[in-house]
PDB file of N, CA and C in Angstrom:
ATOM      1  N   UNK A   1       0.843  -1.177   0.000  1.00  0.00           N
ATOM      2  CA  UNK A   1       0.000   0.000   0.000  1.00  0.00           C
ATOM      3  C   UNK A   1       0.889   1.241   0.000  1.00  0.00           C
ATOM      4  N   UNK A   2       0.593   2.182  -0.908  1.00  0.00           N
ATOM      5  CA  UNK A   2       1.406   3.379  -1.012  1.00  0.00           C
ATOM      6  C   UNK A   2       1.017   4.402   0.040  1.00  0.00           C
ATOM      7  N   UNK A   3       2.035   5.114   0.528  1.00  0.00           N
ATOM      8  CA  UNK A   3       1.772   6.212   1.449  1.00  0.00           C
ATOM      9  C   UNK A   3       1.381   7.440   0.641  1.00  0.00           C
ATOM     10  N   UNK A   4       0.412   8.215   1.141  1.00  0.00           N
ATOM     11  CA  UNK A   4       0.067   9.444   0.430  1.00  0.00           C
ATOM     12  C   UNK A   4       1.246  10.415   0.500  1.00  0.00           C
ATOM     13  N   UNK A   5       1.496  11.117  -0.608  1.00  0.00           N
ATOM     14  CA  UNK A   5       2.604  12.060  -0.593  1.00  0.00           C
ATOM     15  C   UNK A   5       2.200  13.342   0.135  1.00  0.00           C
ATOM     16  N   UNK A   6       3.170  14.201   0.373  1.00  0.00           N
ATOM     17  CA  UNK A   6       2.937  15.423   1.142  1.00  0.00           C
ATOM     18  C   UNK A   6       1.874  16.300   0.497  1.00  0.00           C
ATOM     19  N   UNK A   7       1.917  16.423  -0.845  1.00  0.00           N
ATOM     20  CA  UNK A   7       0.970  17.286  -1.537  1.00  0.00           C
ATOM     21  C   UNK A   7      -0.462  16.772  -1.372  1.00  0.00           C
ATOM     22  N   UNK A   8      -0.673  15.464  -1.484  1.00  0.00           N
ATOM     23  CA  UNK A   8      -2.003  14.895  -1.291  1.00  0.00           C
ATOM     24  C   UNK A   8      -2.485  15.106   0.133  1.00  0.00           C
ATOM     25  N   UNK A   9      -1.603  14.908   1.102  1.00  0.00           N
ATOM     26  CA  UNK A   9      -1.964  15.095   2.503  1.00  0.00           C
ATOM     27  C   UNK A   9      -2.297  16.557   2.774  1.00  0.00           C
ATOM     28  N   UNK A  10      -1.471  17.460   2.249  1.00  0.00           N
ATOM     29  CA  UNK A  10      -1.702  18.890   2.437  1.00  0.00           C
ATOM     30  C   UNK A  10      -3.030  19.312   1.810  1.00  0.00           C
ATOM     31  N   UNK A  11      -3.324  18.779   0.622  1.00  0.00           N
ATOM     32  CA  UNK A  11      -4.577  19.085  -0.058  1.00  0.00           C
ATOM     33  C   UNK A  11      -5.774  18.571   0.744  1.00  0.00           C
ATOM     34  N   UNK A  12      -5.634  17.401   1.317  1.00  0.00           N
ATOM     35  CA  UNK A  12      -6.700  16.820   2.128  1.00  0.00           C
ATOM     36  C   UNK A  12      -6.956  17.660   3.384  1.00  0.00           C
ATOM     37  N   UNK A  13      -5.882  18.101   4.005  1.00  0.00           N
ATOM     38  CA  UNK A  13      -6.007  18.947   5.205  1.00  0.00           C
ATOM     39  C   UNK A  13      -6.672  20.265   4.835  1.00  0.00           C
ATOM     40  N   UNK A  14      -6.282  20.839   3.704  1.00  0.00           N
ATOM     41  CA  UNK A  14      -6.857  22.102   3.240  1.00  0.00           C
ATOM     42  C   UNK A  14      -8.357  21.939   2.965  1.00  0.00           C
ATOM     43  N   UNK A  15      -8.754  20.861   2.279  1.00  0.00           N
ATOM     44  CA  UNK A  15     -10.181  20.612   2.016  1.00  0.00           C
ATOM     45  C   UNK A  15     -10.951  20.446   3.315  1.00  0.00           C
ATOM     46  N   UNK A  16     -10.373  19.728   4.264  1.00  0.00           N
ATOM     47  CA  UNK A  16     -11.037  19.527   5.553  1.00  0.00           C
ATOM     48  C   UNK A  16     -11.223  20.855   6.268  1.00  0.00           C
ATOM     49  N   UNK A  17     -10.199  21.706   6.244  1.00  0.00           N
ATOM     50  CA  UNK A  17     -10.286  23.023   6.897  1.00  0.00           C
ATOM     51  C   UNK A  17     -11.341  23.888   6.205  1.00  0.00           C
ATOM     52  N   UNK A  18     -11.380  23.867   4.869  1.00  0.00           N
ATOM     53  CA  UNK A  18     -12.391  24.634   4.142  1.00  0.00           C
ATOM     54  C   UNK A  18     -13.790  24.129   4.475  1.00  0.00           C
ATOM     55  N   UNK A  19     -13.921  22.828   4.591  1.00  0.00           N
ATOM     56  CA  UNK A  19     -15.206  22.221   4.953  1.00  0.00           C
ATOM     57  C   UNK A  19     -15.650  22.698   6.339  1.00  0.00           C
ATOM     58  N   UNK A  20     -14.740  22.710   7.282  1.00  0.00           N
ATOM     59  CA  UNK A  20     -15.066  23.155   8.639  1.00  0.00           C
ATOM     60  C   UNK A  20     -15.443  24.637   8.664  1.00  0.00           C
ATOM     61  N   UNK A  21     -14.739  25.447   7.885  1.00  0.00           N
ATOM     62  CA  UNK A  21     -15.073  26.872   7.801  1.00  0.00           C
ATOM     63  C   UNK A  21     -16.463  27.040   7.193  1.00  0.00           C
ATOM     64  N   UNK A  22     -16.746  26.284   6.124  1.00  0.00           N
ATOM     65  CA  UNK A  22     -18.054  26.353   5.476  1.00  0.00           C
ATOM     66  C   UNK A  22     -19.165  25.974   6.455  1.00  0.00           C
ATOM     67  N   UNK A  23     -18.970  24.916   7.212  1.00  0.00           N
ATOM     68  CA  UNK A  23     -19.982  24.511   8.189  1.00  0.00           C
ATOM     69  C   UNK A  23     -20.195  25.594   9.247  1.00  0.00           C
ATOM     70  N   UNK A  24     -19.116  26.235   9.673  1.00  0.00           N
ATOM     71  CA  UNK A  24     -19.240  27.331  10.649  1.00  0.00           C
ATOM     72  C   UNK A  24     -20.035  28.489  10.051  1.00  0.00           C
ATOM     73  N   UNK A  25     -19.787  28.812   8.792  1.00  0.00           N
ATOM     74  CA  UNK A  25     -20.542  29.881   8.136  1.00  0.00           C
ATOM     75  C   UNK A  25     -22.021  29.518   8.000  1.00  0.00           C
ATOM     76  N   UNK A  26     -22.293  28.275   7.659  1.00  0.00           N
ATOM     77  CA  UNK A  26     -23.685  27.826   7.535  1.00  0.00           C
ATOM     78  C   UNK A  26     -24.396  27.914   8.882  1.00  0.00           C
ATOM     79  N   UNK A  27     -23.712  27.510   9.953  1.00  0.00           N
ATOM     80  CA  UNK A  27     -24.315  27.574  11.294  1.00  0.00           C
ATOM     81  C   UNK A  27     -24.681  29.000  11.687  1.00  0.00           C
ATOM     82  N   UNK A  28     -23.976  29.977  11.152  1.00  0.00           N
ATOM     83  CA  UNK A  28     -24.222  31.378  11.492  1.00  0.00           C
ATOM     84  C   UNK A  28     -25.399  31.976  10.724  1.00  0.00           C
ATOM     85  N   UNK A  29     -25.910  31.235   9.749  1.00  0.00           N
ATOM     86  CA  UNK A  29     -27.029  31.735   8.953  1.00  0.00           C
ATOM     87  C   UNK A  29     -28.331  31.550   9.731  1.00  0.00           C
ATOM     88  N   UNK A  30     -29.116  32.605   9.803  1.00  0.00           N
ATOM     89  CA  UNK A  30     -30.389  32.539  10.519  1.00  0.00           C
ATOM     90  C   UNK A  30     -31.489  31.848   9.715  1.00  0.00           C
ATOM     91  N   UNK A  31     -31.524  32.118   8.438  1.00  0.00           N
ATOM     92  CA  UNK A  31     -32.640  31.639   7.628  1.00  0.00           C
ATOM     93  C   UNK A  31     -32.166  31.003   6.323  1.00  0.00           C
ATOM     94  N   UNK A  32     -31.300  30.032   6.438  1.00  0.00           N
ATOM     95  CA  UNK A  32     -30.780  29.359   5.250  1.00  0.00           C
ATOM     96  C   UNK A  32     -31.855  28.431   4.700  1.00  0.00           C
ATOM     97  N   UNK A  33     -32.265  28.698   3.457  1.00  0.00           N
ATOM     98  CA  UNK A  33     -33.330  27.916   2.833  1.00  0.00           C
ATOM     99  C   UNK A  33     -32.747  26.719   2.093  1.00  0.00           C
ATOM    100  N   UNK A  34     -33.591  25.741   1.860  1.00  0.00           N
ATOM    101  CA  UNK A  34     -33.213  24.582   1.061  1.00  0.00           C
ATOM    102  C   UNK A  34     -33.871  24.679  -0.302  1.00  0.00           C
ATOM    103  N   UNK A  35     -33.251  24.056  -1.290  1.00  0.00           N
ATOM    104  CA  UNK A  35     -33.797  24.071  -2.639  1.00  0.00           C
ATOM    105  C   UNK A  35     -35.093  23.273  -2.656  1.00  0.00           C
ATOM    106  N   UNK A  36     -36.090  23.808  -3.367  1.00  0.00           N
ATOM    107  CA  UNK A  36     -37.405  23.181  -3.480  1.00  0.00           C
ATOM    108  C   UNK A  36     -37.349  22.087  -4.533  1.00  0.00           C
ATOM    109  N   UNK A  37     -37.617  20.857  -4.144  1.00  0.00           N
ATOM    110  CA  UNK A  37     -37.538  19.723  -5.058  1.00  0.00           C
ATOM    111  C   UNK A  37     -38.568  19.812  -6.172  1.00  0.00           C
ATOM    112  N   UNK A  38     -39.675  20.471  -5.950  1.00  0.00           N
ATOM    113  CA  UNK A  38     -40.716  20.582  -6.970  1.00  0.00           C
ATOM    114  C   UNK A  38     -40.218  21.335  -8.191  1.00  0.00           C
ATOM    115  N   UNK A  39     -39.228  22.191  -8.041  1.00  0.00           N
ATOM    116  CA  UNK A  39     -38.724  22.987  -9.157  1.00  0.00           C
ATOM    117  C   UNK A  39     -38.132  22.111 -10.239  1.00  0.00           C
ATOM    118  N   UNK A  40     -37.588  20.982  -9.881  1.00  0.00           N
ATOM    119  CA  UNK A  40     -36.957  20.121 -10.878  1.00  0.00           C
ATOM    120  C   UNK A  40     -37.982  19.420 -11.766  1.00  0.00           C
ATOM    121  N   UNK A  41     -39.207  19.362 -11.360  1.00  0.00           N
ATOM    122  CA  UNK A  41     -40.231  18.645 -12.139  1.00  0.00           C
ATOM    123  C   UNK A  41     -40.795  19.501 -13.263  1.00  0.00           C
ATOM    124  N   UNK A  42     -40.985  20.779 -12.996  1.00  0.00           N
ATOM    125  CA  UNK A  42     -41.507  21.726 -13.986  1.00  0.00           C
ATOM    126  C   UNK A  42     -42.725  21.179 -14.743  1.00  0.00           C
ATOM    127  N   UNK A  43     -43.667  20.653 -13.996  1.00  0.00           N
ATOM    128  CA  UNK A  43     -44.869  20.086 -14.600  1.00  0.00           C
ATOM    129  C   UNK A  43     -45.968  21.129 -14.770  1.00  0.00           C
ATOM    130  N   UNK A  44     -45.624  22.351 -14.585  1.00  0.00           N
ATOM    131  CA  UNK A  44     -46.636  23.387 -14.627  1.00  0.00           C
ATOM    132  C   UNK A  44     -47.060  23.723 -13.212  1.00  0.00           C
ATOM    133  N   UNK A  45     -48.088  24.483 -13.106  1.00  0.00           N
ATOM    134  CA  UNK A  45     -48.547  24.908 -11.792  1.00  0.00           C
ATOM    135  C   UNK A  45     -49.237  23.754 -11.080  1.00  0.00           C
ATOM    136  N   UNK A  46     -48.737  23.425  -9.927  1.00  0.00           N
ATOM    137  CA  UNK A  46     -49.354  22.403  -9.089  1.00  0.00           C
ATOM    138  C   UNK A  46     -50.221  23.136  -8.077  1.00  0.00           C
ATOM    139  N   UNK A  47     -51.384  22.636  -7.843  1.00  0.00           N
ATOM    140  CA  UNK A  47     -52.344  23.290  -6.966  1.00  0.00           C
ATOM    141  C   UNK A  47     -51.682  23.716  -5.653  1.00  0.00           C
ATOM    142  N   UNK A  48     -51.706  25.010  -5.394  1.00  0.00           N
ATOM    143  CA  UNK A  48     -51.177  25.534  -4.143  1.00  0.00           C
ATOM    144  C   UNK A  48     -49.664  25.719  -4.126  1.00  0.00           C
ATOM    145  N   UNK A  49     -48.965  25.393  -5.206  1.00  0.00           N
ATOM    146  CA  UNK A  49     -47.501  25.472  -5.200  1.00  0.00           C
ATOM    147  C   UNK A  49     -46.971  26.692  -5.944  1.00  0.00           C
ATOM    148  N   UNK A  50     -47.802  27.352  -6.749  1.00  0.00           N
ATOM    149  CA  UNK A  50     -47.361  28.564  -7.411  1.00  0.00           C
ATOM    150  C   UNK A  50     -46.742  28.331  -8.774  1.00  0.00           C
ATOM    151  N   UNK A  51     -46.186  29.395  -9.293  1.00  0.00           N
ATOM    152  CA  UNK A  51     -45.619  29.447 -10.635  1.00  0.00           C
ATOM    153  C   UNK A  51     -44.242  28.776 -10.686  1.00  0.00           C
ATOM    154  N   UNK A  52     -44.002  27.880 -11.667  1.00  0.00           N
ATOM    155  CA  UNK A  52     -42.679  27.246 -11.793  1.00  0.00           C
ATOM    156  C   UNK A  52     -41.546  28.255 -11.964  1.00  0.00           C
ATOM    157  N   UNK A  53     -41.816  29.381 -12.623  1.00  0.00           N
ATOM    158  CA  UNK A  53     -40.789  30.416 -12.779  1.00  0.00           C
ATOM    159  C   UNK A  53     -40.364  30.943 -11.414  1.00  0.00           C
ATOM    160  N   UNK A  54     -41.310  31.008 -10.507  1.00  0.00           N
ATOM    161  CA  UNK A  54     -40.995  31.439  -9.144  1.00  0.00           C
ATOM    162  C   UNK A  54     -40.067  30.431  -8.464  1.00  0.00           C
ATOM    163  N   UNK A  55     -40.329  29.118  -8.676  1.00  0.00           N
ATOM    164  CA  UNK A  55     -39.474  28.084  -8.085  1.00  0.00           C
ATOM    165  C   UNK A  55     -38.050  28.209  -8.613  1.00  0.00           C
ATOM    166  N   UNK A  56     -37.945  28.393  -9.941  1.00  0.00           N
ATOM    167  CA  UNK A  56     -36.621  28.508 -10.550  1.00  0.00           C
ATOM    168  C   UNK A  56     -35.877  29.706  -9.983  1.00  0.00           C
ATOM    169  N   UNK A  57     -36.560  30.839  -9.896  1.00  0.00           N
ATOM    170  CA  UNK A  57     -35.923  32.051  -9.375  1.00  0.00           C
ATOM    171  C   UNK A  57     -35.508  31.873  -7.912  1.00  0.00           C
ATOM    172  N   UNK A  58     -36.383  31.282  -7.128  1.00  0.00           N
ATOM    173  CA  UNK A  58     -36.087  31.050  -5.710  1.00  0.00           C
ATOM    174  C   UNK A  58     -34.883  30.115  -5.554  1.00  0.00           C
ATOM    175  N   UNK A  59     -34.886  29.023  -6.303  1.00  0.00           N
ATOM    176  CA  UNK A  59     -33.783  28.061  -6.218  1.00  0.00           C
ATOM    177  C   UNK A  59     -32.469  28.668  -6.714  1.00  0.00           C
ATOM    178  N   UNK A  60     -32.550  29.540  -7.722  1.00  0.00           N
ATOM    179  CA  UNK A  60     -31.354  30.227  -8.214  1.00  0.00           C
ATOM    180  C   UNK A  60     -30.769  31.112  -7.113  1.00  0.00           C
ATOM    181  N   UNK A  61     -31.646  31.834  -6.401  1.00  0.00           N
ATOM    182  CA  UNK A  61     -31.171  32.682  -5.303  1.00  0.00           C
ATOM    183  C   UNK A  61     -30.566  31.845  -4.171  1.00  0.00           C
ATOM    184  N   UNK A  62     -31.172  30.705  -3.875  1.00  0.00           N
ATOM    185  CA  UNK A  62     -30.641  29.816  -2.837  1.00  0.00           C
ATOM    186  C   UNK A  62     -29.274  29.285  -3.252  1.00  0.00           C
ATOM    187  N   UNK A  63     -29.145  28.859  -4.501  1.00  0.00           N
ATOM    188  CA  UNK A  63     -27.879  28.351  -5.009  1.00  0.00           C
ATOM    189  C   UNK A  63     -26.801  29.434  -4.947  1.00  0.00           C
ATOM    190  N   UNK A  64     -27.152  30.648  -5.321  1.00  0.00           N
ATOM    191  CA  UNK A  64     -26.192  31.755  -5.249  1.00  0.00           C
ATOM    192  C   UNK A  64     -25.738  31.998  -3.810  1.00  0.00           C
ATOM    193  N   UNK A  65     -26.647  31.837  -2.851  1.00  0.00           N
ATOM    194  CA  UNK A  65     -26.296  31.998  -1.438  1.00  0.00           C
ATOM    195  C   UNK A  65     -25.280  30.936  -1.027  1.00  0.00           C
ATOM    196  N   UNK A  66     -25.532  29.678  -1.411  1.00  0.00           N
ATOM    197  CA  UNK A  66     -24.581  28.603  -1.095  1.00  0.00           C
ATOM    198  C   UNK A  66     -23.230  28.843  -1.763  1.00  0.00           C
ATOM    199  N   UNK A  67     -23.248  29.289  -3.023  1.00  0.00           N
ATOM    200  CA  UNK A  67     -21.999  29.582  -3.720  1.00  0.00           C
ATOM    201  C   UNK A  67     -21.238  30.690  -3.007  1.00  0.00           C
ATOM    202  N   UNK A  68     -21.952  31.678  -2.519  1.00  0.00           N
ATOM    203  CA  UNK A  68     -21.324  32.767  -1.780  1.00  0.00           C
ATOM    204  C   UNK A  68     -20.678  32.250  -0.491  1.00  0.00           C
ATOM    205  N   UNK A  69     -21.352  31.348   0.189  1.00  0.00           N
ATOM    206  CA  UNK A  69     -20.791  30.763   1.411  1.00  0.00           C
ATOM    207  C   UNK A  69     -19.525  29.962   1.103  1.00  0.00           C
ATOM    208  N   UNK A  70     -19.537  29.206   0.012  1.00  0.00           N
ATOM    209  CA  UNK A  70     -18.363  28.417  -0.378  1.00  0.00           C
ATOM    210  C   UNK A  70     -17.203  29.348  -0.719  1.00  0.00           C
ATOM    211  N   UNK A  71     -17.470  30.397  -1.512  1.00  0.00           N
ATOM    212  CA  UNK A  71     -16.409  31.353  -1.853  1.00  0.00           C
ATOM    213  C   UNK A  71     -15.861  32.033  -0.602  1.00  0.00           C
ATOM    214  N   UNK A  72     -16.729  32.345   0.344  1.00  0.00           N
ATOM    215  CA  UNK A  72     -16.283  32.959   1.592  1.00  0.00           C
ATOM    216  C   UNK A  72     -15.387  32.011   2.386  1.00  0.00           C
ATOM    217  N   UNK A  73     -15.757  30.738   2.434  1.00  0.00           N
ATOM    218  CA  UNK A  73     -14.944  29.744   3.150  1.00  0.00           C
ATOM    219  C   UNK A  73     -13.569  29.615   2.506  1.00  0.00           C
ATOM    220  N   UNK A  74     -13.518  29.590   1.176  1.00  0.00           N
ATOM    221  CA  UNK A  74     -12.236  29.483   0.470  1.00  0.00           C
ATOM    222  C   UNK A  74     -11.390  30.721   0.722  1.00  0.00           C
ATOM    223  N   UNK A  75     -12.021  31.892   0.707  1.00  0.00           N
ATOM    224  CA  UNK A  75     -11.300  33.143   0.963  1.00  0.00           C
ATOM    225  C   UNK A  75     -10.752  33.173   2.382  1.00  0.00           C
ATOM    226  N   UNK A  76     -11.575  32.782   3.349  1.00  0.00           N
ATOM    227  CA  UNK A  76     -11.108  32.762   4.740  1.00  0.00           C
ATOM    228  C   UNK A  76      -9.961  31.771   4.922  1.00  0.00           C
ATOM    229  N   UNK A  77     -10.048  30.628   4.255  1.00  0.00           N
ATOM    230  CA  UNK A  77      -8.969  29.648   4.319  1.00  0.00           C
ATOM    231  C   UNK A  77      -7.679  30.229   3.736  1.00  0.00           C
ATOM    232  N   UNK A  78      -7.783  30.926   2.628  1.00  0.00           N
ATOM    233  CA  UNK A  78      -6.609  31.551   2.020  1.00  0.00           C
ATOM    234  C   UNK A  78      -6.010  32.609   2.937  1.00  0.00           C
ATOM    235  N   UNK A  79      -6.866  33.366   3.607  1.00  0.00           N
ATOM    236  CA  UNK A  79      -6.371  34.362   4.561  1.00  0.00           C
ATOM    237  C   UNK A  79      -5.645  33.694   5.725  1.00  0.00           C
ATOM    238  N   UNK A  80      -6.179  32.574   6.186  1.00  0.00           N
ATOM    239  CA  UNK A  80      -5.501  31.829   7.258  1.00  0.00           C
ATOM    240  C   UNK A  80      -4.141  31.333   6.785  1.00  0.00           C
ATOM    241  N   UNK A  81      -4.080  30.839   5.544  1.00  0.00           N
ATOM    242  CA  UNK A  81      -2.804  30.398   4.970  1.00  0.00           C
ATOM    243  C   UNK A  81      -1.803  31.542   4.901  1.00  0.00           C
ATOM    244  N   UNK A  82      -2.250  32.701   4.437  1.00  0.00           N
ATOM    245  CA  UNK A  82      -1.327  33.834   4.300  1.00  0.00           C
ATOM    246  C   UNK A  82      -0.855  34.331   5.662  1.00  0.00           C
ATOM    247  N   UNK A  83      -1.730  34.299   6.651  1.00  0.00           N
ATOM    248  CA  UNK A  83      -1.323  34.697   8.009  1.00  0.00           C
ATOM    249  C   UNK A  83      -0.294  33.710   8.566  1.00  0.00           C
ATOM    250  N   UNK A  84      -0.527  32.430   8.324  1.00  0.00           N
ATOM    251  CA  UNK A  84       0.406  31.412   8.805  1.00  0.00           C
ATOM    252  C   UNK A  84       1.764  31.576   8.133  1.00  0.00           C
ATOM    253  N   UNK A  85       1.751  31.816   6.822  1.00  0.00           N
ATOM    254  CA  UNK A  85       3.004  32.012   6.082  1.00  0.00           C
ATOM    255  C   UNK A  85       3.701  33.281   6.554  1.00  0.00           C
ATOM    256  N   UNK A  86       2.939  34.318   6.809  1.00  0.00           N
ATOM    257  CA  UNK A  86       3.492  35.602   7.265  1.00  0.00           C
ATOM    258  C   UNK A  86       4.132  35.477   8.649  1.00  0.00           C
ATOM    259  N   UNK A  87       3.553  34.663   9.504  1.00  0.00           N
ATOM    260  CA  UNK A  87       4.044  34.506  10.885  1.00  0.00           C
ATOM    261  C   UNK A  87       5.210  33.532  10.986  1.00  0.00           C
ATOM    262  N   UNK A  88       5.501  32.784   9.935  1.00  0.00           N
ATOM    263  CA  UNK A  88       6.601  31.800   9.996  1.00  0.00           C
ATOM    264  C   UNK A  88       7.925  32.420   9.723  1.00  0.00           C
TER     265      UNK A  88
END
């Protein structure tokens, strides 16, 4: 069995740290919505569910929020890396 090289280990540690930062950011959200599964069906208006265009728009906004959280986690991780490098 091969040992993982330093670069693979470092990458794994970095992904784990980004994941932990992302989870911390998600925990700080007061009203984080989930994507509506009905939007993927696009069968037209379902009684009481509203306009499919509304579902698409809502899900797009939710996805953008998640993407923003991921970008923030990556940015914070990079800042932590630069601080660590600066302090060494």
